[in-house]
Amino acid sequence: MTDTKGKIESTKDKLVGGVKEAVGKVTNNEELELKGKIQSLKGELEGKAVDVGDKLGEIKEDVAEKINDFIDKKKEEK
């Protein structure tokens, strides 16, 4: 899943879940309210997972850059 697609999906789940939860409360439908809460929570967790994935990608790039720089420097010293 691409980062943008993941962010859109998590936002959609948070919004739709919030609506379901609100409708469930207004209509006194416990099951719909619970489904809404679960979907909202799922959206929050997915959003955090996308953020973590972004950070890990940045860290991976930084480490690769430092290793390449180190190897290049060692080659130049020879």
N, C-alpha and C. Protein backbone atom coordinates (compact mmCIF):
# COMPACT_ATOMS: atom_id res chain seq x y z
N MET A 1 0.84 -1.17 0.00
CA MET A 1 0.00 0.00 0.00
C MET A 1 0.90 1.24 0.00
N THR A 2 0.58 2.18 -0.87
CA THR A 2 1.37 3.39 -0.90
C THR A 2 1.05 4.25 0.30
N ASP A 3 1.96 5.14 0.64
CA ASP A 3 1.77 5.99 1.80
C ASP A 3 0.51 6.84 1.68
N THR A 4 0.30 7.44 0.52
CA THR A 4 -0.87 8.30 0.32
C THR A 4 -2.14 7.48 0.41
N LYS A 5 -2.14 6.32 -0.21
CA LYS A 5 -3.33 5.46 -0.17
C LYS A 5 -3.60 5.03 1.27
N GLY A 6 -2.54 4.70 2.00
CA GLY A 6 -2.71 4.30 3.40
C GLY A 6 -3.28 5.42 4.25
N LYS A 7 -2.81 6.64 4.02
CA LYS A 7 -3.32 7.79 4.77
C LYS A 7 -4.78 8.05 4.44
N ILE A 8 -5.13 7.92 3.18
CA ILE A 8 -6.53 8.12 2.77
C ILE A 8 -7.42 7.07 3.42
N GLU A 9 -6.97 5.82 3.37
CA GLU A 9 -7.76 4.73 3.96
C GLU A 9 -7.95 4.93 5.47
N SER A 10 -6.88 5.31 6.16
CA SER A 10 -6.99 5.49 7.61
C SER A 10 -7.90 6.66 7.94
N THR A 11 -7.83 7.74 7.16
CA THR A 11 -8.71 8.89 7.38
C THR A 11 -10.16 8.51 7.12
N LYS A 12 -10.38 7.74 6.05
CA LYS A 12 -11.74 7.29 5.73
C LYS A 12 -12.30 6.45 6.86
N ASP A 13 -11.50 5.52 7.38
CA ASP A 13 -11.98 4.66 8.46
C ASP A 13 -12.31 5.48 9.71
N LYS A 14 -11.48 6.49 10.01
CA LYS A 14 -11.75 7.32 11.18
C LYS A 14 -13.06 8.09 11.01
N LEU A 15 -13.27 8.65 9.82
CA LEU A 15 -14.48 9.43 9.58
C LEU A 15 -15.74 8.57 9.56
N VAL A 16 -15.69 7.49 8.79
CA VAL A 16 -16.85 6.60 8.68
C VAL A 16 -17.16 5.98 10.04
N GLY A 17 -16.11 5.58 10.76
CA GLY A 17 -16.31 5.02 12.09
C GLY A 17 -16.95 6.01 13.03
N GLY A 18 -16.53 7.26 12.96
CA GLY A 18 -17.13 8.30 13.80
C GLY A 18 -18.59 8.50 13.50
N VAL A 19 -18.94 8.47 12.22
CA VAL A 19 -20.34 8.62 11.82
C VAL A 19 -21.17 7.43 12.34
N LYS A 20 -20.65 6.23 12.14
CA LYS A 20 -21.36 5.03 12.62
C LYS A 20 -21.57 5.10 14.13
N GLU A 21 -20.52 5.51 14.85
CA GLU A 21 -20.61 5.61 16.30
C GLU A 21 -21.69 6.62 16.70
N ALA A 22 -21.70 7.78 16.05
CA ALA A 22 -22.68 8.82 16.37
C ALA A 22 -24.11 8.36 16.06
N VAL A 23 -24.28 7.72 14.90
CA VAL A 23 -25.61 7.23 14.52
C VAL A 23 -26.06 6.15 15.50
N GLY A 24 -25.13 5.30 15.89
CA GLY A 24 -25.45 4.25 16.86
C GLY A 24 -25.90 4.84 18.19
N LYS A 25 -25.24 5.90 18.64
CA LYS A 25 -25.64 6.55 19.89
C LYS A 25 -27.02 7.18 19.77
N VAL A 26 -27.25 7.90 18.67
CA VAL A 26 -28.52 8.60 18.48
C VAL A 26 -29.69 7.62 18.37
N THR A 27 -29.45 6.52 17.67
CA THR A 27 -30.52 5.54 17.45
C THR A 27 -30.56 4.47 18.55
N ASN A 28 -29.67 4.61 19.52
CA ASN A 28 -29.60 3.64 20.62
C ASN A 28 -29.28 2.23 20.11
N ASN A 29 -28.44 2.18 19.06
CA ASN A 29 -28.04 0.90 18.47
C ASN A 29 -26.62 0.60 18.96
N GLU A 30 -26.53 -0.21 19.99
CA GLU A 30 -25.24 -0.53 20.61
C GLU A 30 -24.27 -1.19 19.63
N GLU A 31 -24.78 -2.06 18.78
CA GLU A 31 -23.93 -2.79 17.83
C GLU A 31 -23.30 -1.83 16.82
N LEU A 32 -24.10 -0.91 16.28
CA LEU A 32 -23.57 0.05 15.32
C LEU A 32 -22.57 0.99 15.98
N GLU A 33 -22.88 1.39 17.20
CA GLU A 33 -21.95 2.25 17.95
C GLU A 33 -20.61 1.56 18.15
N LEU A 34 -20.64 0.29 18.52
CA LEU A 34 -19.41 -0.48 18.72
C LEU A 34 -18.64 -0.64 17.41
N LYS A 35 -19.35 -0.95 16.33
CA LYS A 35 -18.69 -1.08 15.03
C LYS A 35 -18.01 0.22 14.63
N GLY A 36 -18.66 1.33 14.93
CA GLY A 36 -18.07 2.64 14.64
C GLY A 36 -16.81 2.88 15.44
N LYS A 37 -16.85 2.55 16.71
CA LYS A 37 -15.68 2.72 17.57
C LYS A 37 -14.51 1.87 17.06
N ILE A 38 -14.82 0.64 16.69
CA ILE A 38 -13.78 -0.27 16.20
C ILE A 38 -13.19 0.25 14.89
N GLN A 39 -14.04 0.73 13.98
CA GLN A 39 -13.54 1.23 12.70
C GLN A 39 -12.69 2.49 12.90
N SER A 40 -13.11 3.36 13.81
CA SER A 40 -12.32 4.56 14.10
C SER A 40 -10.95 4.20 14.67
N LEU A 41 -10.95 3.25 15.58
CA LEU A 41 -9.69 2.81 16.18
C LEU A 41 -8.79 2.17 15.13
N LYS A 42 -9.39 1.39 14.24
CA LYS A 42 -8.63 0.78 13.14
C LYS A 42 -7.97 1.86 12.29
N GLY A 43 -8.71 2.93 11.99
CA GLY A 43 -8.16 4.03 11.21
C GLY A 43 -7.01 4.71 11.91
N GLU A 44 -7.14 4.90 13.21
CA GLU A 44 -6.06 5.52 13.98
C GLU A 44 -4.81 4.66 13.96
N LEU A 45 -4.99 3.36 14.16
CA LEU A 45 -3.84 2.45 14.17
C LEU A 45 -3.18 2.37 12.80
N GLU A 46 -3.99 2.32 11.75
CA GLU A 46 -3.42 2.29 10.40
C GLU A 46 -2.64 3.57 10.11
N GLY A 47 -3.17 4.69 10.56
CA GLY A 47 -2.48 5.96 10.35
C GLY A 47 -1.13 5.98 11.04
N LYS A 48 -1.09 5.45 12.25
CA LYS A 48 0.18 5.39 12.97
C LYS A 48 1.15 4.43 12.30
N ALA A 49 0.63 3.33 11.76
CA ALA A 49 1.49 2.37 11.06
C ALA A 49 2.11 3.01 9.82
N VAL A 50 1.33 3.81 9.11
CA VAL A 50 1.86 4.50 7.91
C VAL A 50 2.95 5.47 8.33
N ASP A 51 2.72 6.21 9.43
CA ASP A 51 3.72 7.15 9.92
C ASP A 51 5.01 6.43 10.31
N VAL A 52 4.87 5.30 10.99
CA VAL A 52 6.04 4.52 11.40
C VAL A 52 6.77 4.01 10.16
N GLY A 53 6.02 3.55 9.18
CA GLY A 53 6.62 3.08 7.93
C GLY A 53 7.40 4.17 7.23
N ASP A 54 6.84 5.39 7.24
CA ASP A 54 7.54 6.53 6.64
C ASP A 54 8.87 6.78 7.36
N LYS A 55 8.83 6.77 8.68
CA LYS A 55 10.05 7.02 9.47
C LYS A 55 11.08 5.93 9.22
N LEU A 56 10.64 4.67 9.17
CA LEU A 56 11.57 3.57 8.93
C LEU A 56 12.22 3.71 7.56
N GLY A 57 11.45 4.13 6.58
CA GLY A 57 12.00 4.34 5.24
C GLY A 57 13.06 5.42 5.24
N GLU A 58 12.80 6.51 5.99
CA GLU A 58 13.79 7.59 6.08
C GLU A 58 15.06 7.11 6.77
N ILE A 59 14.91 6.35 7.84
CA ILE A 59 16.07 5.83 8.58
C ILE A 59 16.88 4.90 7.68
N LYS A 60 16.19 4.05 6.94
CA LYS A 60 16.87 3.11 6.04
C LYS A 60 17.68 3.87 4.99
N GLU A 61 17.11 4.92 4.44
CA GLU A 61 17.83 5.74 3.45
C GLU A 61 19.05 6.40 4.07
N ASP A 62 18.90 6.94 5.27
CA ASP A 62 20.03 7.59 5.95
C ASP A 62 21.17 6.62 6.22
N VAL A 63 20.81 5.42 6.69
CA VAL A 63 21.84 4.41 6.97
C VAL A 63 22.55 3.99 5.68
N ALA A 64 21.79 3.77 4.63
CA ALA A 64 22.39 3.37 3.35
C ALA A 64 23.33 4.46 2.84
N GLU A 65 22.93 5.72 2.98
CA GLU A 65 23.77 6.83 2.55
C GLU A 65 25.09 6.87 3.32
N LYS A 66 25.01 6.69 4.63
CA LYS A 66 26.22 6.72 5.47
C LYS A 66 27.16 5.56 5.13
N ILE A 67 26.60 4.40 4.89
CA ILE A 67 27.42 3.23 4.54
C ILE A 67 28.10 3.47 3.19
N ASN A 68 27.34 3.96 2.23
CA ASN A 68 27.93 4.25 0.91
C ASN A 68 29.03 5.30 1.00
N ASP A 69 28.79 6.34 1.79
CA ASP A 69 29.82 7.37 1.98
C ASP A 69 31.08 6.77 2.61
N PHE A 70 30.91 5.92 3.60
CA PHE A 70 32.04 5.29 4.27
C PHE A 70 32.84 4.43 3.30
N ILE A 71 32.14 3.62 2.49
CA ILE A 71 32.80 2.75 1.52
C ILE A 71 33.55 3.58 0.48
N ASP A 72 32.90 4.64 0.00
CA ASP A 72 33.56 5.51 -0.99
C ASP A 72 34.82 6.15 -0.40
N LYS A 73 34.74 6.59 0.83
CA LYS A 73 35.89 7.22 1.49
C LYS A 73 37.05 6.21 1.62
N LYS A 74 36.74 4.98 1.99
CA LYS A 74 37.78 3.94 2.12
C LYS A 74 38.42 3.63 0.77
N LYS A 75 37.62 3.63 -0.28
CA LYS A 75 38.16 3.38 -1.63
C LYS A 75 39.11 4.49 -2.03
N GLU A 76 38.76 5.74 -1.68
CA GLU A 76 39.60 6.88 -2.03
C GLU A 76 40.92 6.86 -1.27
N GLU A 77 40.92 6.30 -0.08
CA GLU A 77 42.13 6.26 0.75
C GLU A 77 43.16 5.28 0.19
N LYS A 78 42.73 4.32 -0.58
CA LYS A 78 43.66 3.31 -1.11
C LYS A 78 44.51 3.82 -2.21
